[in-house]
C-alpha atoms as a PDB file:
ATOM      1  CA  MET A   1      73.068  12.200  -9.503  1.00  0.00           C
ATOM      2  CA  SER A   2      71.762  11.135 -12.931  1.00  0.00           C
ATOM      3  CA  ASP A   3      70.784  13.705 -15.555  1.00  0.00           C
ATOM      4  CA  ILE A   4      67.108  12.740 -15.155  1.00  0.00           C
ATOM      5  CA  ARG A   5      67.216  13.134 -11.358  1.00  0.00           C
ATOM      6  CA  ARG A   6      69.082  16.418 -11.724  1.00  0.00           C
ATOM      7  CA  ARG A   7      66.419  17.802 -14.086  1.00  0.00           C
ATOM      8  CA  GLU A   8      63.637  16.752 -11.681  1.00  0.00           C
ATOM      9  CA  PHE A   9      65.462  18.467  -8.818  1.00  0.00           C
ATOM     10  CA  ILE A  10      65.903  21.680 -10.797  1.00  0.00           C
ATOM     11  CA  THR A  11      62.220  21.623 -11.772  1.00  0.00           C
ATOM     12  CA  LEU A  12      61.117  21.173  -8.160  1.00  0.00           C
ATOM     13  CA  VAL A  13      63.427  23.927  -6.926  1.00  0.00           C
ATOM     14  CA  GLY A  14      62.185  26.258  -9.648  1.00  0.00           C
ATOM     15  CA  ALA A  15      58.555  25.544  -8.802  1.00  0.00           C
ATOM     16  CA  ALA A  16      59.217  26.107  -5.114  1.00  0.00           C
ATOM     17  CA  ALA A  17      60.952  29.396  -5.892  1.00  0.00           C
ATOM     18  CA  MET A  18      57.990  30.587  -7.976  1.00  0.00           C
ATOM     19  CA  TRP A  19      55.332  29.655  -5.383  1.00  0.00           C
ATOM     20  CA  PRO A  20      55.669  32.752  -3.167  1.00  0.00           C
ATOM     21  CA  PHE A  21      55.259  35.006  -6.211  1.00  0.00           C
ATOM     22  CA  ARG A  22      52.146  33.153  -7.395  1.00  0.00           C
ATOM     23  CA  ALA A  23      50.676  33.216  -3.905  1.00  0.00           C
ATOM     24  CA  HIS A  24      51.404  36.949  -3.650  1.00  0.00           C
ATOM     25  CA  ALA A  25      49.668  37.548  -6.964  1.00  0.00           C
ATOM     26  CA  GLN A  26      46.600  35.658  -5.740  1.00  0.00           C
ATOM     27  CA  GLN A  27      46.550  37.719  -2.576  1.00  0.00           C
ATOM     28  CA  GLN A  28      46.739  41.001  -4.512  1.00  0.00           C
ATOM     29  CA  PRO A  29      43.818  41.030  -7.000  1.00  0.00           C
ATOM     30  CA  LYS A  30      43.406  43.938  -9.399  1.00  0.00           C
ATOM     31  CA  MET A  31      41.884  46.957  -7.669  1.00  0.00           C
ATOM     32  CA  LEU A  32      38.747  48.326  -9.334  1.00  0.00           C
ATOM     33  CA  ARG A  33      38.518  52.078  -8.763  1.00  0.00           C
ATOM     34  CA  VAL A  34      35.055  53.628  -9.122  1.00  0.00           C
ATOM     35  CA  GLY A  35      34.802  57.423  -8.993  1.00  0.00           C
ATOM     36  CA  PHE A  36      31.716  59.433  -8.125  1.00  0.00           C
ATOM     37  CA  VAL A  37      30.871  63.057  -7.273  1.00  0.00           C
ATOM     38  CA  GLY A  38      27.650  63.602  -5.312  1.00  0.00           C
ATOM     39  CA  ILE A  39      25.862  66.062  -3.063  1.00  0.00           C
ATOM     40  CA  GLN A  40      24.953  63.694  -0.220  1.00  0.00           C
ATOM     41  CA  PRO A  41      27.415  62.654   2.531  1.00  0.00           C
ATOM     42  CA  ARG A  42      29.347  59.492   1.693  1.00  0.00           C
ATOM     43  CA  GLU A  43      27.431  57.553   4.359  1.00  0.00           C
ATOM     44  CA  ALA A  44      24.039  58.408   2.829  1.00  0.00           C
ATOM     45  CA  PRO A  45      21.768  55.330   2.552  1.00  0.00           C
ATOM     46  CA  VAL A  46      21.590  55.532  -1.257  1.00  0.00           C
ATOM     47  CA  TYR A  47      25.360  55.190  -1.542  1.00  0.00           C
ATOM     48  CA  THR A  48      25.391  52.472   1.099  1.00  0.00           C
ATOM     49  CA  ASN A  49      22.930  50.532  -1.049  1.00  0.00           C
ATOM     50  CA  PHE A  50      25.320  50.778  -4.003  1.00  0.00           C
ATOM     51  CA  LEU A  51      28.179  49.473  -1.863  1.00  0.00           C
ATOM     52  CA  LYS A  52      25.938  46.689  -0.524  1.00  0.00           C
ATOM     53  CA  ARG A  53      25.267  45.447  -4.051  1.00  0.00           C
ATOM     54  CA  MET A  54      28.935  45.729  -4.987  1.00  0.00           C
ATOM     55  CA  ALA A  55      29.773  43.529  -1.986  1.00  0.00           C
ATOM     56  CA  GLU A  56      27.188  40.976  -3.102  1.00  0.00           C
ATOM     57  CA  LEU A  57      28.895  40.913  -6.501  1.00  0.00           C
ATOM     58  CA  GLY A  58      32.238  40.101  -4.863  1.00  0.00           C
ATOM     59  CA  TYR A  59      33.839  43.519  -4.396  1.00  0.00           C
ATOM     60  CA  GLN A  60      35.359  44.302  -1.028  1.00  0.00           C
ATOM     61  CA  GLU A  61      36.482  47.847  -0.314  1.00  0.00           C
ATOM     62  CA  GLY A  62      40.202  48.017   0.277  1.00  0.00           C
ATOM     63  CA  ARG A  63      40.813  44.552  -1.126  1.00  0.00           C
ATOM     64  CA  ASN A  64      39.694  44.561  -4.761  1.00  0.00           C
ATOM     65  CA  PHE A  65      37.543  47.696  -4.937  1.00  0.00           C
ATOM     66  CA  THR A  66      37.846  51.390  -4.109  1.00  0.00           C
ATOM     67  CA  PHE A  67      34.912  53.806  -4.004  1.00  0.00           C
ATOM     68  CA  ASP A  68      36.521  57.186  -4.687  1.00  0.00           C
ATOM     69  CA  TYR A  69      33.801  59.566  -3.563  1.00  0.00           C
ATOM     70  CA  ILE A  70      33.960  63.360  -3.504  1.00  0.00           C
ATOM     71  CA  GLN A  71      31.125  65.353  -1.952  1.00  0.00           C
ATOM     72  CA  THR A  72      30.256  68.718  -3.460  1.00  0.00           C
ATOM     73  CA  PRO A  73      27.861  71.257  -1.889  1.00  0.00           C
ATOM     74  CA  ASP A  74      26.239  72.029  -5.236  1.00  0.00           C
ATOM     75  CA  VAL A  75      26.309  71.209  -8.950  1.00  0.00           C
ATOM     76  CA  GLU A  76      28.890  73.941  -9.540  1.00  0.00           C
ATOM     77  CA  GLY A  77      31.541  71.614  -8.130  1.00  0.00           C
ATOM     78  CA  TYR A  78      31.014  68.748 -10.559  1.00  0.00           C
ATOM     79  CA  GLU A  79      33.567  69.741 -13.180  1.00  0.00           C
ATOM     80  CA  ARG A  80      36.411  70.400 -10.729  1.00  0.00           C
ATOM     81  CA  ASN A  81      35.802  67.244  -8.728  1.00  0.00           C
ATOM     82  CA  TYR A  82      35.467  64.922 -11.705  1.00  0.00           C
ATOM     83  CA  ARG A  83      38.832  66.231 -12.896  1.00  0.00           C
ATOM     84  CA  GLU A  84      40.182  65.281  -9.478  1.00  0.00           C
ATOM     85  CA  LEU A  85      38.815  61.751  -9.908  1.00  0.00           C
ATOM     86  CA  ALA A  86      40.480  61.513 -13.317  1.00  0.00           C
ATOM     87  CA  ALA A  87      43.782  62.461 -11.684  1.00  0.00           C
ATOM     88  CA  ARG A  88      43.269  59.567  -9.264  1.00  0.00           C
ATOM     89  CA  LYS A  89      43.130  57.199 -12.259  1.00  0.00           C
ATOM     90  CA  VAL A  90      39.698  55.741 -11.573  1.00  0.00           C
ATOM     91  CA  ASP A  91      38.579  52.928 -13.884  1.00  0.00           C
ATOM     92  CA  VAL A  92      34.835  53.672 -14.013  1.00  0.00           C
ATOM     93  CA  PHE A  93      33.021  56.972 -13.429  1.00  0.00           C
ATOM     94  CA  LEU A  94      29.513  57.210 -11.985  1.00  0.00           C
ATOM     95  CA  ALA A  95      27.367  60.147 -13.139  1.00  0.00           C
ATOM     96  CA  VAL A  96      24.067  60.421 -11.292  1.00  0.00           C
ATOM     97  CA  GLY A  97      21.122  62.778 -11.518  1.00  0.00           C
ATOM     98  CA  THR A  98      21.726  65.869 -13.583  1.00  0.00           C
ATOM     99  CA  GLU A  99      23.003  66.569 -17.068  1.00  0.00           C
ATOM    100  CA  ARG A 100      25.772  68.663 -15.518  1.00  0.00           C
ATOM    101  CA  ALA A 101      27.116  65.590 -13.726  1.00  0.00           C
ATOM    102  CA  LEU A 102      27.318  63.621 -16.975  1.00  0.00           C
ATOM    103  CA  ARG A 103      28.831  66.528 -18.883  1.00  0.00           C
ATOM    104  CA  ALA A 104      31.528  66.966 -16.232  1.00  0.00           C
ATOM    105  CA  ALA A 105      32.269  63.244 -16.204  1.00  0.00           C
ATOM    106  CA  LEU A 106      32.569  63.157 -20.001  1.00  0.00           C
ATOM    107  CA  LEU A 107      35.043  66.039 -19.973  1.00  0.00           C
ATOM    108  CA  ALA A 108      37.205  64.291 -17.382  1.00  0.00           C
ATOM    109  CA  ALA A 109      36.904  60.632 -18.389  1.00  0.00           C
ATOM    110  CA  GLU A 110      38.812  60.859 -21.695  1.00  0.00           C
ATOM    111  CA  GLY A 111      37.014  57.809 -23.069  1.00  0.00           C
ATOM    112  CA  LYS A 112      36.943  55.744 -19.886  1.00  0.00           C
ATOM    113  CA  PRO A 113      33.603  54.053 -19.069  1.00  0.00           C
ATOM    114  CA  ILE A 114      30.830  56.084 -17.458  1.00  0.00           C
ATOM    115  CA  VAL A 115      27.876  54.445 -15.728  1.00  0.00           C
ATOM    116  CA  LEU A 116      24.923  56.803 -15.883  1.00  0.00           C
ATOM    117  CA  LEU A 117      21.830  57.232 -13.745  1.00  0.00           C
ATOM    118  CA  ALA A 118      19.932  59.897 -15.703  1.00  0.00           C
ATOM    119  CA  ILE A 119      17.257  61.367 -13.460  1.00  0.00           C
ATOM    120  CA  ASP A 120      16.776  64.937 -14.676  1.00  0.00           C
ATOM    121  CA  PHE A 121      17.270  64.653 -18.441  1.00  0.00           C
ATOM    122  CA  ASP A 122      16.893  62.404 -21.482  1.00  0.00           C
ATOM    123  CA  PRO A 123      20.372  61.266 -22.648  1.00  0.00           C
ATOM    124  CA  VAL A 124      19.082  60.353 -26.135  1.00  0.00           C
ATOM    125  CA  MET A 125      17.293  63.653 -26.768  1.00  0.00           C
ATOM    126  CA  ARG A 126      20.351  65.572 -25.532  1.00  0.00           C
ATOM    127  CA  GLY A 127      22.642  63.615 -27.858  1.00  0.00           C
ATOM    128  CA  TYR A 128      24.849  61.948 -25.254  1.00  0.00           C
ATOM    129  CA  VAL A 129      24.021  58.474 -26.580  1.00  0.00           C
ATOM    130  CA  ALA A 130      22.860  57.268 -29.977  1.00  0.00           C
ATOM    131  CA  SER A 131      20.016  55.133 -28.621  1.00  0.00           C
ATOM    132  CA  LEU A 132      19.013  53.284 -25.484  1.00  0.00           C
ATOM    133  CA  SER A 133      19.574  49.880 -27.098  1.00  0.00           C
ATOM    134  CA  ARG A 134      23.034  50.719 -28.426  1.00  0.00           C
ATOM    135  CA  PRO A 135      24.517  53.851 -26.781  1.00  0.00           C
ATOM    136  CA  GLY A 136      27.486  53.990 -29.148  1.00  0.00           C
ATOM    137  CA  GLY A 137      30.010  55.738 -26.882  1.00  0.00           C
ATOM    138  CA  ASN A 138      31.547  55.350 -23.433  1.00  0.00           C
ATOM    139  CA  VAL A 139      28.260  55.861 -21.531  1.00  0.00           C
ATOM    140  CA  THR A 140      25.688  53.288 -20.381  1.00  0.00           C
ATOM    141  CA  GLY A 141      23.424  52.844 -17.369  1.00  0.00           C
ATOM    142  CA  ILE A 142      19.824  53.615 -16.356  1.00  0.00           C
ATOM    143  CA  PHE A 143      17.404  56.307 -17.524  1.00  0.00           C
ATOM    144  CA  VAL A 144      14.303  57.603 -15.696  1.00  0.00           C
ATOM    145  CA  ARG A 145      11.610  59.350 -17.754  1.00  0.00           C
ATOM    146  CA  GLN A 146      11.291  62.175 -15.272  1.00  0.00           C
ATOM    147  CA  LEU A 147       9.144  64.524 -17.371  1.00  0.00           C
ATOM    148  CA  GLU A 148       6.370  61.940 -17.569  1.00  0.00           C
ATOM    149  CA  LEU A 149       6.578  61.508 -13.805  1.00  0.00           C
ATOM    150  CA  ALA A 150       6.378  65.280 -13.263  1.00  0.00           C
ATOM    151  CA  ALA A 151       3.092  65.353 -15.195  1.00  0.00           C
ATOM    152  CA  LYS A 152       1.809  62.336 -13.287  1.00  0.00           C
ATOM    153  CA  ARG A 153       2.394  64.109  -9.940  1.00  0.00           C
ATOM    154  CA  VAL A 154       0.036  66.867 -11.054  1.00  0.00           C
ATOM    155  CA  GLU A 155      -2.588  64.246 -11.901  1.00  0.00           C
ATOM    156  CA  ILE A 156      -2.166  62.769  -8.414  1.00  0.00           C
ATOM    157  CA  ALA A 157      -2.549  66.232  -6.863  1.00  0.00           C
ATOM    158  CA  ARG A 158      -5.772  66.739  -8.845  1.00  0.00           C
ATOM    159  CA  GLU A 159      -7.108  63.357  -7.692  1.00  0.00           C
ATOM    160  CA  ALA A 160      -6.165  63.978  -4.052  1.00  0.00           C
ATOM    161  CA  PHE A 161      -7.543  67.557  -4.067  1.00  0.00           C
ATOM    162  CA  PRO A 162     -10.478  67.578  -6.508  1.00  0.00           C
ATOM    163  CA  ARG A 163     -11.557  71.077  -5.428  1.00  0.00           C
ATOM    164  CA  ALA A 164      -8.150  72.639  -6.008  1.00  0.00           C
ATOM    165  CA  THR A 165      -7.946  75.510  -8.491  1.00  0.00           C
ATOM    166  CA  VAL A 166      -4.229  76.299  -8.110  1.00  0.00           C
ATOM    167  CA  VAL A 167      -1.182  74.045  -7.973  1.00  0.00           C
ATOM    168  CA  GLY A 168       2.228  75.314  -6.912  1.00  0.00           C
ATOM    169  CA  ILE A 169       5.138  74.025  -8.959  1.00  0.00           C
ATOM    170  CA  ALA A 170       8.462  74.303  -7.169  1.00  0.00           C
ATOM    171  CA  PHE A 171      11.671  74.219  -9.193  1.00  0.00           C
ATOM    172  CA  ASP A 172      15.352  75.113  -9.077  1.00  0.00           C
ATOM    173  CA  THR A 173      18.037  75.753 -11.685  1.00  0.00           C
ATOM    174  CA  ILE A 174      18.213  72.119 -12.825  1.00  0.00           C
ATOM    175  CA  SER A 175      14.532  71.134 -12.745  1.00  0.00           C
ATOM    176  CA  SER A 176      13.112  73.678 -15.187  1.00  0.00           C
ATOM    177  CA  GLU A 177      12.054  70.960 -17.652  1.00  0.00           C
ATOM    178  CA  GLN A 178      10.083  69.221 -14.909  1.00  0.00           C
ATOM    179  CA  ARG A 179       8.497  72.605 -14.148  1.00  0.00           C
ATOM    180  CA  ASP A 180       7.373  72.996 -17.746  1.00  0.00           C
ATOM    181  CA  ALA A 181       6.001  69.438 -17.954  1.00  0.00           C
ATOM    182  CA  ALA A 182       4.067  69.890 -14.698  1.00  0.00           C
ATOM    183  CA  ALA A 183       2.696  73.268 -15.808  1.00  0.00           C
ATOM    184  CA  GLU A 184       1.433  71.817 -19.080  1.00  0.00           C
ATOM    185  CA  ALA A 185      -0.262  68.971 -17.225  1.00  0.00           C
ATOM    186  CA  ALA A 186      -1.861  71.434 -14.784  1.00  0.00           C
ATOM    187  CA  ARG A 187      -3.384  73.528 -17.565  1.00  0.00           C
ATOM    188  CA  LYS A 188      -4.832  70.429 -19.219  1.00  0.00           C
ATOM    189  CA  LEU A 189      -6.502  69.541 -15.914  1.00  0.00           C
ATOM    190  CA  GLY A 190      -7.931  73.027 -15.434  1.00  0.00           C
ATOM    191  CA  LEU A 191      -5.490  74.045 -12.701  1.00  0.00           C
ATOM    192  CA  GLU A 192      -3.633  77.343 -12.536  1.00  0.00           C
ATOM    193  CA  PRO A 193       0.110  76.550 -12.339  1.00  0.00           C
ATOM    194  CA  ARG A 194       1.955  78.839  -9.949  1.00  0.00           C
ATOM    195  CA  MET A 195       5.726  78.761 -10.546  1.00  0.00           C
ATOM    196  CA  ILE A 196       7.803  78.854  -7.361  1.00  0.00           C
ATOM    197  CA  GLU A 197      11.540  79.159  -7.866  1.00  0.00           C
ATOM    198  CA  VAL A 198      13.587  77.920  -4.917  1.00  0.00           C
ATOM    199  CA  LYS A 199      17.215  79.027  -4.681  1.00  0.00           C
ATOM    200  CA  GLY A 200      18.452  77.337  -1.513  1.00  0.00           C
ATOM    201  CA  GLN A 201      17.863  76.467   2.103  1.00  0.00           C
ATOM    202  CA  GLN A 202      17.670  80.091   3.252  1.00  0.00           C
ATOM    203  CA  ASP A 203      14.968  80.745   0.660  1.00  0.00           C
ATOM    204  CA  TYR A 204      12.433  77.993   1.409  1.00  0.00           C
ATOM    205  CA  GLY A 205      10.212  80.021   3.698  1.00  0.00           C
ATOM    206  CA  GLY A 206      10.167  83.027   1.411  1.00  0.00           C
ATOM    207  CA  ALA A 207       9.590  80.948  -1.699  1.00  0.00           C
ATOM    208  CA  PHE A 208       6.628  79.065  -0.267  1.00  0.00           C
ATOM    209  CA  ASN A 209       5.010  82.313   0.860  1.00  0.00           C
ATOM    210  CA  ALA A 210       3.893  82.525  -2.760  1.00  0.00           C
ATOM    211  CA  MET A 211       1.094  80.136  -1.755  1.00  0.00           C
ATOM    212  CA  ASP A 212      -0.199  82.372   1.065  1.00  0.00           C
ATOM    213  CA  ASP A 213      -3.299  83.373  -0.873  1.00  0.00           C
ATOM    214  CA  ALA A 214      -3.965  79.744  -1.882  1.00  0.00           C
ATOM    215  CA  ARG A 215      -3.927  77.987   1.484  1.00  0.00           C
ATOM    216  CA  GLY A 216      -4.783  74.301   1.287  1.00  0.00           C
ATOM    217  CA  GLN A 217      -3.848  74.118  -2.407  1.00  0.00           C
ATOM    218  CA  PRO A 218      -1.149  71.531  -3.245  1.00  0.00           C
ATOM    219  CA  ILE A 219       2.422  72.083  -4.346  1.00  0.00           C
ATOM    220  CA  ILE A 220       4.587  69.799  -6.519  1.00  0.00           C
ATOM    221  CA  LEU A 221       8.208  69.130  -5.517  1.00  0.00           C
ATOM    222  CA  PRO A 222      10.610  68.041  -8.295  1.00  0.00           C
ATOM    223  CA  ALA A 223      13.321  65.411  -8.473  1.00  0.00           C
ATOM    224  CA  SER A 224      16.446  67.463  -7.794  1.00  0.00           C
ATOM    225  CA  PRO A 225      19.565  67.003  -5.654  1.00  0.00           C
ATOM    226  CA  MET A 226      18.752  70.112  -3.621  1.00  0.00           C
ATOM    227  CA  PHE A 227      15.152  69.046  -2.924  1.00  0.00           C
ATOM    228  CA  PHE A 228      16.434  65.623  -1.872  1.00  0.00           C
ATOM    229  CA  ARG A 229      19.300  66.910   0.287  1.00  0.00           C
ATOM    230  CA  ASP A 230      17.250  69.577   2.090  1.00  0.00           C
ATOM    231  CA  ARG A 231      14.065  67.497   2.347  1.00  0.00           C
ATOM    232  CA  GLU A 232      13.663  67.995   6.103  1.00  0.00           C
ATOM    233  CA  ALA A 233      13.942  71.793   5.891  1.00  0.00           C
ATOM    234  CA  ILE A 234      11.547  71.814   2.936  1.00  0.00           C
ATOM    235  CA  ALA A 235       8.998  69.634   4.721  1.00  0.00           C
ATOM    236  CA  GLN A 236       9.186  71.818   7.817  1.00  0.00           C
ATOM    237  CA  ALA A 237       8.644  75.002   5.811  1.00  0.00           C
ATOM    238  CA  LEU A 238       5.621  73.458   4.076  1.00  0.00           C
ATOM    239  CA  LEU A 239       4.107  72.122   7.285  1.00  0.00           C
ATOM    240  CA  GLU A 240       4.481  75.506   8.984  1.00  0.00           C
ATOM    241  CA  ARG A 241       2.457  77.021   6.134  1.00  0.00           C
ATOM    242  CA  ARG A 242       0.040  74.061   6.074  1.00  0.00           C
ATOM    243  CA  ILE A 243       0.753  73.347   2.404  1.00  0.00           C
ATOM    244  CA  PRO A 244       0.143  69.764   1.194  1.00  0.00           C
ATOM    245  CA  SER A 245       2.797  68.520  -1.200  1.00  0.00           C
ATOM    246  CA  VAL A 246       3.359  65.823  -3.814  1.00  0.00           C
ATOM    247  CA  ALA A 247       7.074  65.004  -3.996  1.00  0.00           C
ATOM    248  CA  ALA A 248       9.294  63.023  -6.325  1.00  0.00           C
ATOM    249  CA  PHE A 249      11.238  61.121  -3.670  1.00  0.00           C
ATOM    250  CA  ARG A 250       9.917  58.741  -1.045  1.00  0.00           C
ATOM    251  CA  GLU A 251      12.490  60.263   1.290  1.00  0.00           C
ATOM    252  CA  ASN A 252      10.717  63.648   0.997  1.00  0.00           C
ATOM    253  CA  MET A 253       7.467  62.003   2.049  1.00  0.00           C
ATOM    254  CA  GLU A 254       9.203  60.305   4.984  1.00  0.00           C
ATOM    255  CA  ALA A 255      10.550  63.727   6.025  1.00  0.00           C
ATOM    256  CA  GLY A 256       7.038  65.187   6.100  1.00  0.00           C
ATOM    257  CA  ALA A 257       5.713  65.734   2.562  1.00  0.00           C
ATOM    258  CA  LEU A 258       2.152  64.434   2.183  1.00  0.00           C
ATOM    259  CA  ILE A 259       2.480  62.244  -0.915  1.00  0.00           C
ATOM    260  CA  SER A 260       5.344  60.921  -3.005  1.00  0.00           C
ATOM    261  CA  TYR A 261       5.246  59.449  -6.469  1.00  0.00           C
ATOM    262  CA  GLY A 262       8.323  58.514  -8.429  1.00  0.00           C
ATOM    263  CA  PHE A 263      11.162  56.093  -8.831  1.00  0.00           C
ATOM    264  CA  ASP A 264      12.874  54.095  -6.112  1.00  0.00           C
ATOM    265  CA  LEU A 265      16.168  55.955  -5.676  1.00  0.00           C
ATOM    266  CA  MET A 266      17.529  53.362  -3.240  1.00  0.00           C
ATOM    267  CA  GLY A 267      16.737  50.627  -5.727  1.00  0.00           C
ATOM    268  CA  LEU A 268      18.341  52.467  -8.615  1.00  0.00           C
ATOM    269  CA  PHE A 269      21.624  52.862  -6.746  1.00  0.00           C
ATOM    270  CA  TYR A 270      21.463  49.126  -6.065  1.00  0.00           C
ATOM    271  CA  ASP A 271      20.833  48.434  -9.750  1.00  0.00           C
ATOM    272  CA  ILE A 272      23.668  50.517 -11.201  1.00  0.00           C
ATOM    273  CA  ALA A 273      26.220  48.367  -9.360  1.00  0.00           C
ATOM    274  CA  ALA A 274      25.433  45.608 -11.869  1.00  0.00           C
ATOM    275  CA  TYR A 275      26.538  47.938 -14.683  1.00  0.00           C
ATOM    276  CA  VAL A 276      29.849  48.607 -12.934  1.00  0.00           C
ATOM    277  CA  HIS A 277      30.294  44.851 -12.543  1.00  0.00           C
ATOM    278  CA  ARG A 278      29.627  44.242 -16.237  1.00  0.00           C
ATOM    279  CA  ILE A 279      32.098  46.930 -17.280  1.00  0.00           C
ATOM    280  CA  ALA A 280      34.726  45.524 -14.895  1.00  0.00           C
ATOM    281  CA  GLY A 281      34.160  42.117 -16.511  1.00  0.00           C
ATOM    282  CA  GLY A 282      34.967  43.464 -19.968  1.00  0.00           C
ATOM    283  CA  ALA A 283      31.620  44.701 -21.312  1.00  0.00           C
ATOM    284  CA  LYS A 284      31.852  47.812 -23.502  1.00  0.00           C
ATOM    285  CA  PRO A 285      29.492  50.726 -22.845  1.00  0.00           C
ATOM    286  CA  PHE A 286      28.868  51.363 -26.544  1.00  0.00           C
ATOM    287  CA  ASP A 287      26.878  48.138 -26.969  1.00  0.00           C
ATOM    288  CA  THR A 288      25.547  47.730 -23.407  1.00  0.00           C
ATOM    289  CA  PRO A 289      21.865  48.804 -23.509  1.00  0.00           C
ATOM    290  CA  ILE A 290      20.642  51.598 -21.266  1.00  0.00           C
ATOM    291  CA  GLU A 291      17.714  50.375 -19.184  1.00  0.00           C
ATOM    292  CA  GLN A 292      14.657  52.350 -18.166  1.00  0.00           C
ATOM    293  CA  SER A 293      13.805  52.152 -14.489  1.00  0.00           C
ATOM    294  CA  PRO A 294      11.078  49.617 -13.649  1.00  0.00           C
ATOM    295  CA  ARG A 295      10.841  50.788 -10.022  1.00  0.00           C
ATOM    296  CA  PHE A 296       7.979  53.188  -9.256  1.00  0.00           C
ATOM    297  CA  TYR A 297       5.791  53.692  -6.211  1.00  0.00           C
ATOM    298  CA  MET A 298       3.341  56.010  -4.527  1.00  0.00           C
ATOM    299  CA  ALA A 299       3.211  56.590  -0.778  1.00  0.00           C
ATOM    300  CA  VAL A 300       1.166  58.688   1.645  1.00  0.00           C
ATOM    301  CA  ASN A 301       2.304  60.052   5.002  1.00  0.00           C
ATOM    302  CA  LEU A 302      -0.785  59.675   7.180  1.00  0.00           C
ATOM    303  CA  LYS A 303       0.834  61.563  10.047  1.00  0.00           C
ATOM    304  CA  THR A 304       1.233  64.596   7.796  1.00  0.00           C
ATOM    305  CA  ALA A 305      -2.340  64.168   6.530  1.00  0.00           C
ATOM    306  CA  ALA A 306      -3.589  64.274  10.121  1.00  0.00           C
ATOM    307  CA  SER A 307      -1.432  67.290  10.925  1.00  0.00           C
ATOM    308  CA  LEU A 308      -2.790  69.199   7.912  1.00  0.00           C
ATOM    309  CA  GLY A 309      -6.352  68.059   8.511  1.00  0.00           C
ATOM    310  CA  VAL A 310      -6.410  66.515   5.039  1.00  0.00           C
ATOM    311  CA  SER A 311      -8.897  63.727   4.368  1.00  0.00           C
ATOM    312  CA  LEU A 312      -7.878  61.448   1.507  1.00  0.00           C
ATOM    313  CA  SER A 313     -10.293  58.930   0.034  1.00  0.00           C
ATOM    314  CA  ASP A 314      -9.916  55.312   1.104  1.00  0.00           C
ATOM    315  CA  VAL A 315      -9.498  54.310  -2.539  1.00  0.00           C
ATOM    316  CA  PHE A 316      -6.664  56.784  -2.995  1.00  0.00           C
ATOM    317  CA  VAL A 317      -4.843  55.661   0.153  1.00  0.00           C
ATOM    318  CA  ALA A 318      -5.302  52.001  -0.713  1.00  0.00           C
ATOM    319  CA  ARG A 319      -3.310  52.532  -3.919  1.00  0.00           C
ATOM    320  CA  ALA A 320      -0.361  53.911  -1.943  1.00  0.00           C
ATOM    321  CA  ASN A 321       1.933  52.686   0.764  1.00  0.00           C
ATOM    322  CA  GLU A 322       1.001  54.180   4.113  1.00  0.00           C
ATOM    323  CA  VAL A 323       3.655  55.776   6.318  1.00  0.00           C
ATOM    324  CA  ARG A 324       2.418  56.623   9.801  1.00  0.00           C
ATOM    325  CA  GLU A 325       5.621  57.573  11.610  1.00  0.00           C
END
């Protein structure tokens, strides 16, 4: 065999020997690990919407993507569970809703990227990012101006119930700023704000008894993990006391609240998947702008209106989406 033929043979044998390794590498893409601590069950529709968008972007669970999710019964579990995610070596942390979630993620992440969905606080005012256009650290994502929405819900309550003199303002340990914004708006509109602290599912009935001497007057429900998670129990307690309510989440309205005005939570979970995708592709959080949510809506549950004997103007209902079932 000539030297030239021998070299060709060696080259072919070498290429053939390398082929299984190259094929194996193609079959084993890098696994993207996304870690998240939340209060809802893993199969909750909002999380399913996030996974749906991830799939559309090319991520398949178990093949090139892992959604490391830990459920916690309350915000007290954030710090411990985000540390657990850090021990699992996740690549990107999700921090959704409260300031406590972001704070816990920051303590655990040690500089790794965090995709934020700030619902209950302003990340710029609290100093977590330098600005929305250029965050300057390891945090980026989406921000909802919740305090403005809290005030707007009071305006909607005034429009829906023009003869009201009192408005109940429900709150828990993490929605006190929404409480204050709603109370200020109520006073400007000539309404007496009645603060109603809610401490948990066993307390709903007792808490809402504070409206016993103001039957037919509306109550405002805040954007809070507890009010979202326990929306059916809350709606039932309100309906039993015939209290009309204006809630932050559409899901509260679907569970039985009269009106909802706020952001599209399902849509926001869909949107934050794009941030994870950008980070996985090499984008750096410090110069990836934080967006403000463009998704807002108002909806009316006509079945609840009929049950409460509430008559809303045709103009008011026309501005909202109607839910009859």
